[in-house]
Amino acid sequence: MSRHNVTLFTPYPFDIGQKINITSGSRRGDWEVVGITDTKIRLRCPISSKEFEWHRFCYVAEERRQVSWPQKD
């Protein structure tokens, strides 16, 4: 098996009431987490108080160097 640089993406473990800032994209800005399910997140804008529910989209990214890829489960 050869060695490669691999970027890992893990769904972020949100908490209700958490204040977050999305730094880029169409949802960028400040938000408060007001609802969470396994597949969706509900965010409230602190300025307008409007709430939006989206499929979970935020991830923590990590890059690892020289790891085996592809992984065998």
N, C-alpha and C. Protein backbone atom coordinates (compact mmCIF):
# COMPACT_ATOMS: atom_id res chain seq x y z
N MET A 1 0.86 -1.18 0.00
CA MET A 1 0.00 0.00 0.00
C MET A 1 0.90 1.24 0.00
N SER A 2 0.59 2.21 -0.82
CA SER A 2 1.42 3.41 -0.92
C SER A 2 1.01 4.46 0.11
N ARG A 3 1.86 5.45 0.31
CA ARG A 3 1.64 6.51 1.29
C ARG A 3 1.24 7.79 0.55
N HIS A 4 0.25 8.52 1.11
CA HIS A 4 -0.27 9.74 0.49
C HIS A 4 -0.60 10.76 1.56
N ASN A 5 -0.73 12.03 1.18
CA ASN A 5 -1.28 13.06 2.05
C ASN A 5 -2.79 12.99 1.91
N VAL A 6 -3.52 12.92 3.03
CA VAL A 6 -4.97 12.73 3.03
C VAL A 6 -5.61 13.77 3.93
N THR A 7 -6.66 14.44 3.46
CA THR A 7 -7.42 15.39 4.26
C THR A 7 -8.65 14.70 4.83
N LEU A 8 -8.85 14.81 6.15
CA LEU A 8 -9.96 14.15 6.84
C LEU A 8 -11.04 15.19 7.18
N PHE A 9 -12.30 14.83 6.98
CA PHE A 9 -13.42 15.69 7.32
C PHE A 9 -14.30 14.94 8.32
N THR A 10 -14.59 15.59 9.45
CA THR A 10 -15.40 15.00 10.50
C THR A 10 -16.56 15.96 10.81
N PRO A 11 -17.83 15.48 10.86
CA PRO A 11 -18.93 16.38 11.21
C PRO A 11 -18.66 17.04 12.56
N TYR A 12 -18.91 18.33 12.64
CA TYR A 12 -18.67 19.07 13.88
C TYR A 12 -19.74 18.74 14.91
N PRO A 13 -19.35 18.47 16.16
CA PRO A 13 -20.32 18.10 17.21
C PRO A 13 -20.93 19.35 17.87
N PHE A 14 -21.92 19.94 17.24
CA PHE A 14 -22.55 21.16 17.75
C PHE A 14 -23.24 20.94 19.08
N ASP A 15 -23.43 22.04 19.84
CA ASP A 15 -24.21 22.05 21.08
C ASP A 15 -25.28 23.11 20.95
N ILE A 16 -26.47 22.84 21.49
CA ILE A 16 -27.55 23.83 21.52
C ILE A 16 -27.05 25.05 22.30
N GLY A 17 -27.32 26.24 21.77
CA GLY A 17 -26.91 27.48 22.41
C GLY A 17 -25.53 27.95 21.99
N GLN A 18 -24.81 27.14 21.25
CA GLN A 18 -23.47 27.49 20.82
C GLN A 18 -23.50 28.65 19.85
N LYS A 19 -22.61 29.61 20.06
CA LYS A 19 -22.45 30.74 19.14
C LYS A 19 -21.35 30.37 18.16
N ILE A 20 -21.64 30.50 16.86
CA ILE A 20 -20.65 30.12 15.85
C ILE A 20 -20.50 31.24 14.84
N ASN A 21 -19.40 31.21 14.10
CA ASN A 21 -19.18 32.12 12.99
C ASN A 21 -18.73 31.30 11.81
N ILE A 22 -19.49 31.34 10.73
CA ILE A 22 -19.13 30.65 9.49
C ILE A 22 -18.34 31.66 8.66
N THR A 23 -17.12 31.29 8.30
CA THR A 23 -16.19 32.27 7.72
C THR A 23 -16.33 32.49 6.23
N SER A 24 -17.02 31.60 5.51
CA SER A 24 -17.14 31.81 4.06
C SER A 24 -18.40 31.13 3.53
N GLY A 25 -18.71 31.43 2.28
CA GLY A 25 -19.86 30.82 1.63
C GLY A 25 -21.14 31.60 1.85
N SER A 26 -22.22 31.08 1.32
CA SER A 26 -23.51 31.79 1.37
C SER A 26 -24.08 31.87 2.78
N ARG A 27 -23.62 31.06 3.70
CA ARG A 27 -24.13 31.08 5.08
C ARG A 27 -23.17 31.78 6.04
N ARG A 28 -22.20 32.51 5.49
CA ARG A 28 -21.19 33.12 6.34
C ARG A 28 -21.82 34.12 7.29
N GLY A 29 -21.20 34.26 8.44
CA GLY A 29 -21.67 35.21 9.45
C GLY A 29 -21.86 34.53 10.79
N ASP A 30 -22.46 35.28 11.71
CA ASP A 30 -22.69 34.79 13.07
C ASP A 30 -24.04 34.10 13.18
N TRP A 31 -24.05 33.01 13.95
CA TRP A 31 -25.25 32.20 14.14
C TRP A 31 -25.27 31.64 15.55
N GLU A 32 -26.48 31.31 16.01
CA GLU A 32 -26.65 30.57 17.26
C GLU A 32 -27.30 29.23 16.90
N VAL A 33 -26.77 28.16 17.47
CA VAL A 33 -27.31 26.82 17.24
C VAL A 33 -28.55 26.66 18.12
N VAL A 34 -29.71 26.43 17.50
CA VAL A 34 -30.96 26.30 18.25
C VAL A 34 -31.61 24.92 18.10
N GLY A 35 -31.08 24.08 17.22
CA GLY A 35 -31.63 22.73 17.07
C GLY A 35 -30.65 21.83 16.34
N ILE A 36 -30.62 20.57 16.74
CA ILE A 36 -29.70 19.61 16.14
C ILE A 36 -30.40 18.26 16.04
N THR A 37 -30.28 17.62 14.87
CA THR A 37 -30.65 16.21 14.73
C THR A 37 -29.45 15.50 14.12
N ASP A 38 -29.57 14.22 13.86
CA ASP A 38 -28.47 13.48 13.24
C ASP A 38 -28.16 14.00 11.85
N THR A 39 -29.15 14.56 11.17
CA THR A 39 -28.94 14.98 9.78
C THR A 39 -29.10 16.48 9.54
N LYS A 40 -29.71 17.22 10.46
CA LYS A 40 -29.99 18.64 10.23
C LYS A 40 -29.52 19.49 11.40
N ILE A 41 -29.31 20.77 11.09
CA ILE A 41 -28.98 21.76 12.11
C ILE A 41 -29.88 22.97 11.90
N ARG A 42 -30.36 23.55 13.00
CA ARG A 42 -31.20 24.74 12.94
C ARG A 42 -30.39 25.87 13.56
N LEU A 43 -30.23 26.96 12.76
CA LEU A 43 -29.45 28.11 13.20
C LEU A 43 -30.32 29.35 13.23
N ARG A 44 -30.04 30.23 14.19
CA ARG A 44 -30.77 31.50 14.30
C ARG A 44 -29.78 32.64 14.08
N CYS A 45 -30.19 33.60 13.25
CA CYS A 45 -29.40 34.80 13.04
C CYS A 45 -29.58 35.71 14.26
N PRO A 46 -28.49 36.16 14.90
CA PRO A 46 -28.63 36.99 16.11
C PRO A 46 -29.10 38.41 15.80
N ILE A 47 -29.07 38.82 14.54
CA ILE A 47 -29.51 40.17 14.16
C ILE A 47 -31.00 40.18 13.84
N SER A 48 -31.43 39.29 12.94
CA SER A 48 -32.83 39.28 12.48
C SER A 48 -33.70 38.31 13.27
N SER A 49 -33.09 37.41 14.03
CA SER A 49 -33.78 36.33 14.77
C SER A 49 -34.43 35.31 13.84
N LYS A 50 -34.18 35.41 12.53
CA LYS A 50 -34.70 34.41 11.60
C LYS A 50 -33.97 33.09 11.81
N GLU A 51 -34.72 32.00 11.69
CA GLU A 51 -34.15 30.67 11.86
C GLU A 51 -34.17 29.92 10.53
N PHE A 52 -33.12 29.14 10.34
CA PHE A 52 -32.99 28.34 9.13
C PHE A 52 -32.57 26.94 9.52
N GLU A 53 -33.14 25.95 8.83
CA GLU A 53 -32.74 24.56 9.06
C GLU A 53 -32.10 24.03 7.78
N TRP A 54 -30.89 23.49 7.94
CA TRP A 54 -30.15 22.96 6.81
C TRP A 54 -29.64 21.57 7.14
N HIS A 55 -29.33 20.81 6.10
CA HIS A 55 -28.60 19.58 6.31
C HIS A 55 -27.27 19.96 6.93
N ARG A 56 -26.77 19.12 7.84
CA ARG A 56 -25.50 19.44 8.50
C ARG A 56 -24.40 19.61 7.46
N PHE A 57 -23.66 20.69 7.57
CA PHE A 57 -22.68 21.03 6.54
C PHE A 57 -21.33 21.45 7.09
N CYS A 58 -21.19 21.65 8.37
CA CYS A 58 -19.93 22.11 8.94
C CYS A 58 -19.07 20.92 9.36
N TYR A 59 -17.82 21.01 9.01
CA TYR A 59 -16.89 19.93 9.29
C TYR A 59 -15.60 20.48 9.86
N VAL A 60 -14.95 19.69 10.67
CA VAL A 60 -13.61 19.99 11.13
C VAL A 60 -12.68 19.28 10.16
N ALA A 61 -11.75 20.01 9.60
CA ALA A 61 -10.83 19.41 8.63
C ALA A 61 -9.46 19.24 9.24
N GLU A 62 -8.82 18.18 8.86
CA GLU A 62 -7.47 17.89 9.33
C GLU A 62 -6.71 17.27 8.16
N GLU A 63 -5.51 17.65 8.02
CA GLU A 63 -4.70 17.04 6.98
C GLU A 63 -3.61 16.20 7.63
N ARG A 64 -3.49 14.98 7.20
CA ARG A 64 -2.44 14.09 7.69
C ARG A 64 -1.50 13.78 6.54
N ARG A 65 -0.25 13.69 6.85
CA ARG A 65 0.77 13.44 5.82
C ARG A 65 1.26 12.01 5.90
N GLN A 66 1.50 11.45 4.74
CA GLN A 66 2.11 10.13 4.62
C GLN A 66 1.32 9.03 5.34
N VAL A 67 0.02 8.96 5.04
CA VAL A 67 -0.82 7.90 5.61
C VAL A 67 -1.20 6.91 4.51
N SER A 68 -1.56 5.70 4.90
CA SER A 68 -1.99 4.70 3.93
C SER A 68 -3.32 5.10 3.34
N TRP A 69 -3.43 4.98 2.02
CA TRP A 69 -4.67 5.34 1.36
C TRP A 69 -4.77 4.53 0.07
N PRO A 70 -5.91 3.93 -0.24
CA PRO A 70 -7.16 4.00 0.52
C PRO A 70 -7.11 3.13 1.76
N GLN A 71 -7.98 3.49 2.73
CA GLN A 71 -8.06 2.71 3.96
C GLN A 71 -8.88 1.46 3.71
N LYS A 72 -8.48 0.37 4.30
CA LYS A 72 -9.26 -0.87 4.21
C LYS A 72 -10.04 -1.00 5.51
N ASP A 73 -11.36 -1.06 5.40
CA ASP A 73 -12.21 -1.16 6.60
C ASP A 73 -12.20 -2.54 7.19
